[in-house]
Amino acid sequence: MDVIAVVTGAKTSRGPQSSFALAGRLMDEVFRSWSTVTPIRAGDEAGEVPVQRGATPTVAALAARDAAALVPRGQATVDWTLEPRAVEAPVAKGDTVGDIIVRQGEAEVMRVPALAADSVERRPWWKFWGG
């Protein structure tokens, strides 16, 4: 968690009413009251995405980066879901195949791309009819 405090109009340059002391108290309050929750990390598997006309019917989806949410300390009610895209073969490893949506309650906090864990080749035409 990165926090920046800007204090202007401090009464003194030293002591408890200085801008440095006031900023320190603000920082203490922020770190005491808030925490960062990371429900899914970069490289974690988020689920399977269907692949139309693929040699395999699905591909594993991985989180592209960490998904973090700032929440009041002690209230780590952050959930995520995978929202797959319509994907048609061929699919290269690392292609975006959906979005991971992070929610705190009903509010959407963040979206992270979901990437294909493996390549999926196009199914040969003669196998479309069970061959």
C-alpha atoms as a PDB file:
ATOM      1  CA  MET A   1       0.000   0.000   0.000  1.00  0.00           C
ATOM      2  CA  ASP A   2       1.418   3.384  -0.979  1.00  0.00           C
ATOM      3  CA  VAL A   3       0.290   6.393   1.036  1.00  0.00           C
ATOM      4  CA  ILE A   4       1.172  10.044   0.529  1.00  0.00           C
ATOM      5  CA  ALA A   5       0.366  12.731   3.073  1.00  0.00           C
ATOM      6  CA  VAL A   6       0.456  16.425   2.193  1.00  0.00           C
ATOM      7  CA  VAL A   7       0.063  18.892   5.030  1.00  0.00           C
ATOM      8  CA  THR A   8      -0.098  22.630   4.433  1.00  0.00           C
ATOM      9  CA  GLY A   9      -0.631  25.476   6.847  1.00  0.00           C
ATOM     10  CA  ALA A  10       1.136  23.947   9.841  1.00  0.00           C
ATOM     11  CA  LYS A  11       1.397  26.363  12.769  1.00  0.00           C
ATOM     12  CA  THR A  12       5.039  25.611  13.597  1.00  0.00           C
ATOM     13  CA  SER A  13       8.088  24.132  11.899  1.00  0.00           C
ATOM     14  CA  ARG A  14       8.910  21.896  14.891  1.00  0.00           C
ATOM     15  CA  GLY A  15       7.003  20.043  17.549  1.00  0.00           C
ATOM     16  CA  PRO A  16       3.594  18.345  17.661  1.00  0.00           C
ATOM     17  CA  GLN A  17       1.911  20.898  15.368  1.00  0.00           C
ATOM     18  CA  SER A  18       4.565  20.768  12.626  1.00  0.00           C
ATOM     19  CA  SER A  19       3.709  19.426   9.184  1.00  0.00           C
ATOM     20  CA  PHE A  20       6.004  16.423   9.791  1.00  0.00           C
ATOM     21  CA  ALA A  21       4.226  15.491  13.042  1.00  0.00           C
ATOM     22  CA  LEU A  22       0.767  15.980  11.507  1.00  0.00           C
ATOM     23  CA  ALA A  23       1.706  13.832   8.485  1.00  0.00           C
ATOM     24  CA  GLY A  24       3.039  11.140  10.816  1.00  0.00           C
ATOM     25  CA  ARG A  25      -0.263  11.021  12.715  1.00  0.00           C
ATOM     26  CA  LEU A  26      -2.177  10.788   9.421  1.00  0.00           C
ATOM     27  CA  MET A  27       0.028   7.895   8.291  1.00  0.00           C
ATOM     28  CA  ASP A  28      -0.428   6.085  11.603  1.00  0.00           C
ATOM     29  CA  GLU A  29      -4.209   6.426  11.288  1.00  0.00           C
ATOM     30  CA  VAL A  30      -4.249   5.098   7.710  1.00  0.00           C
ATOM     31  CA  PHE A  31      -2.111   2.048   8.497  1.00  0.00           C
ATOM     32  CA  ARG A  32      -4.093   1.373  11.682  1.00  0.00           C
ATOM     33  CA  SER A  33      -7.487   1.580   9.902  1.00  0.00           C
ATOM     34  CA  TRP A  34      -6.886   0.078   6.430  1.00  0.00           C
ATOM     35  CA  SER A  35      -5.236  -3.001   4.936  1.00  0.00           C
ATOM     36  CA  THR A  36      -4.574  -4.367   1.480  1.00  0.00           C
ATOM     37  CA  VAL A  37      -6.159  -7.705   0.540  1.00  0.00           C
ATOM     38  CA  THR A  38      -4.903  -9.677  -2.477  1.00  0.00           C
ATOM     39  CA  PRO A  39      -7.488 -12.359  -3.314  1.00  0.00           C
ATOM     40  CA  ILE A  40      -5.664 -13.550  -6.456  1.00  0.00           C
ATOM     41  CA  ARG A  41      -1.999 -13.197  -7.403  1.00  0.00           C
ATOM     42  CA  ALA A  42      -0.193 -13.048 -10.742  1.00  0.00           C
ATOM     43  CA  GLY A  43       0.006 -16.535 -12.241  1.00  0.00           C
ATOM     44  CA  ASP A  44      -2.784 -18.015 -10.094  1.00  0.00           C
ATOM     45  CA  GLU A  45      -5.296 -20.125 -12.012  1.00  0.00           C
ATOM     46  CA  ALA A  46      -8.686 -18.423 -12.177  1.00  0.00           C
ATOM     47  CA  GLY A  47     -10.624 -21.169 -13.954  1.00  0.00           C
ATOM     48  CA  GLU A  48     -11.271 -22.617 -17.406  1.00  0.00           C
ATOM     49  CA  VAL A  49     -12.403 -20.738 -20.514  1.00  0.00           C
ATOM     50  CA  PRO A  50     -14.228 -22.544 -23.350  1.00  0.00           C
ATOM     51  CA  VAL A  51     -12.392 -22.564 -26.710  1.00  0.00           C
ATOM     52  CA  GLN A  52     -14.547 -22.864 -29.811  1.00  0.00           C
ATOM     53  CA  ARG A  53     -13.132 -25.121 -32.531  1.00  0.00           C
ATOM     54  CA  GLY A  54     -10.136 -25.963 -30.365  1.00  0.00           C
ATOM     55  CA  ALA A  55      -8.225 -29.229 -30.184  1.00  0.00           C
ATOM     56  CA  THR A  56      -9.092 -29.099 -26.474  1.00  0.00           C
ATOM     57  CA  PRO A  57     -12.474 -27.749 -25.346  1.00  0.00           C
ATOM     58  CA  THR A  58     -11.080 -25.399 -22.673  1.00  0.00           C
ATOM     59  CA  VAL A  59      -7.937 -23.548 -21.645  1.00  0.00           C
ATOM     60  CA  ALA A  60      -6.833 -22.618 -18.130  1.00  0.00           C
ATOM     61  CA  ALA A  61      -6.936 -18.880 -17.395  1.00  0.00           C
ATOM     62  CA  LEU A  62      -4.206 -17.264 -15.269  1.00  0.00           C
ATOM     63  CA  ALA A  63      -4.202 -13.870 -13.558  1.00  0.00           C
ATOM     64  CA  ALA A  64      -1.972 -11.438 -15.439  1.00  0.00           C
ATOM     65  CA  ARG A  65      -1.043  -9.523 -12.275  1.00  0.00           C
ATOM     66  CA  ASP A  66      -1.920  -9.259  -8.601  1.00  0.00           C
ATOM     67  CA  ALA A  67      -5.417  -8.024  -7.861  1.00  0.00           C
ATOM     68  CA  ALA A  68      -5.483  -6.007  -4.658  1.00  0.00           C
ATOM     69  CA  ALA A  69      -8.157  -4.062  -2.820  1.00  0.00           C
ATOM     70  CA  LEU A  70      -7.904  -1.576   0.015  1.00  0.00           C
ATOM     71  CA  VAL A  71     -10.389  -2.493   2.759  1.00  0.00           C
ATOM     72  CA  PRO A  72     -11.111  -1.409   6.309  1.00  0.00           C
ATOM     73  CA  ARG A  73      -8.882  -3.472   8.606  1.00  0.00           C
ATOM     74  CA  GLY A  74     -10.617  -6.667   9.706  1.00  0.00           C
ATOM     75  CA  GLN A  75     -13.181  -6.606   6.865  1.00  0.00           C
ATOM     76  CA  ALA A  76     -11.526  -8.775   4.214  1.00  0.00           C
ATOM     77  CA  THR A  77     -14.743  -9.447   2.249  1.00  0.00           C
ATOM     78  CA  VAL A  78     -13.226  -9.284  -1.216  1.00  0.00           C
ATOM     79  CA  ASP A  79     -14.305 -11.793  -3.871  1.00  0.00           C
ATOM     80  CA  TRP A  80     -13.365 -12.356  -7.483  1.00  0.00           C
ATOM     81  CA  THR A  81     -14.967 -14.009 -10.500  1.00  0.00           C
ATOM     82  CA  LEU A  82     -13.731 -14.987 -13.932  1.00  0.00           C
ATOM     83  CA  GLU A  83     -15.596 -13.400 -16.829  1.00  0.00           C
ATOM     84  CA  PRO A  84     -14.570 -15.409 -19.929  1.00  0.00           C
ATOM     85  CA  ARG A  85     -14.506 -13.925 -23.426  1.00  0.00           C
ATOM     86  CA  ALA A  86     -15.695 -15.705 -26.553  1.00  0.00           C
ATOM     87  CA  VAL A  87     -12.488 -17.451 -27.639  1.00  0.00           C
ATOM     88  CA  GLU A  88     -11.924 -19.295 -30.900  1.00  0.00           C
ATOM     89  CA  ALA A  89      -8.893 -21.437 -31.709  1.00  0.00           C
ATOM     90  CA  PRO A  90      -6.048 -21.033 -32.350  1.00  0.00           C
ATOM     91  CA  VAL A  91      -5.117 -19.527 -28.991  1.00  0.00           C
ATOM     92  CA  ALA A  92      -1.505 -18.663 -28.140  1.00  0.00           C
ATOM     93  CA  LYS A  93      -0.124 -19.013 -24.625  1.00  0.00           C
ATOM     94  CA  GLY A  94      -0.505 -15.594 -22.973  1.00  0.00           C
ATOM     95  CA  ASP A  95      -3.474 -14.425 -25.071  1.00  0.00           C
ATOM     96  CA  THR A  96      -6.176 -12.593 -23.145  1.00  0.00           C
ATOM     97  CA  VAL A  97      -9.120 -14.967 -22.705  1.00  0.00           C
ATOM     98  CA  GLY A  98     -11.188 -13.022 -20.179  1.00  0.00           C
ATOM     99  CA  ASP A  99     -11.212 -10.709 -17.190  1.00  0.00           C
ATOM    100  CA  ILE A 100     -10.929 -11.372 -13.487  1.00  0.00           C
ATOM    101  CA  ILE A 101     -13.324  -9.041 -11.698  1.00  0.00           C
ATOM    102  CA  VAL A 102     -12.571  -8.177  -8.075  1.00  0.00           C
ATOM    103  CA  ARG A 103     -15.528  -7.032  -5.965  1.00  0.00           C
ATOM    104  CA  GLN A 104     -15.914  -5.707  -2.468  1.00  0.00           C
ATOM    105  CA  GLY A 105     -19.532  -6.407  -1.674  1.00  0.00           C
ATOM    106  CA  GLU A 106     -21.449  -5.321  -4.781  1.00  0.00           C
ATOM    107  CA  ALA A 107     -18.882  -2.733  -5.897  1.00  0.00           C
ATOM    108  CA  GLU A 108     -16.357  -3.600  -8.600  1.00  0.00           C
ATOM    109  CA  VAL A 109     -12.913  -2.664  -7.321  1.00  0.00           C
ATOM    110  CA  MET A 110     -10.606  -3.866 -10.098  1.00  0.00           C
ATOM    111  CA  ARG A 111     -10.337  -5.799 -13.368  1.00  0.00           C
ATOM    112  CA  VAL A 112      -7.328  -7.932 -14.197  1.00  0.00           C
ATOM    113  CA  PRO A 113      -6.777  -9.630 -17.572  1.00  0.00           C
ATOM    114  CA  ALA A 114      -6.988 -13.429 -17.596  1.00  0.00           C
ATOM    115  CA  LEU A 115      -4.349 -15.016 -19.835  1.00  0.00           C
ATOM    116  CA  ALA A 116      -4.279 -18.415 -21.549  1.00  0.00           C
ATOM    117  CA  ALA A 117      -2.019 -20.812 -19.655  1.00  0.00           C
ATOM    118  CA  ASP A 118      -1.310 -22.905 -22.776  1.00  0.00           C
ATOM    119  CA  SER A 119      -1.661 -22.772 -26.523  1.00  0.00           C
ATOM    120  CA  VAL A 120      -4.711 -24.394 -28.103  1.00  0.00           C
ATOM    121  CA  GLU A 121      -4.483 -25.450 -31.725  1.00  0.00           C
ATOM    122  CA  ARG A 122      -7.448 -25.404 -34.057  1.00  0.00           C
ATOM    123  CA  ARG A 123      -9.192 -28.757 -34.311  1.00  0.00           C
ATOM    124  CA  PRO A 124      -8.694 -30.365 -37.759  1.00  0.00           C
ATOM    125  CA  TRP A 125     -11.777 -30.061 -39.972  1.00  0.00           C
ATOM    126  CA  TRP A 126     -12.309 -33.837 -40.163  1.00  0.00           C
ATOM    127  CA  LYS A 127     -12.699 -34.020 -36.366  1.00  0.00           C
ATOM    128  CA  PHE A 128     -15.679 -31.641 -36.328  1.00  0.00           C
ATOM    129  CA  TRP A 129     -17.987 -34.575 -37.139  1.00  0.00           C
ATOM    130  CA  GLY A 130     -16.590 -36.998 -34.578  1.00  0.00           C
ATOM    131  CA  GLY A 131     -13.775 -38.350 -36.768  1.00  0.00           C
END
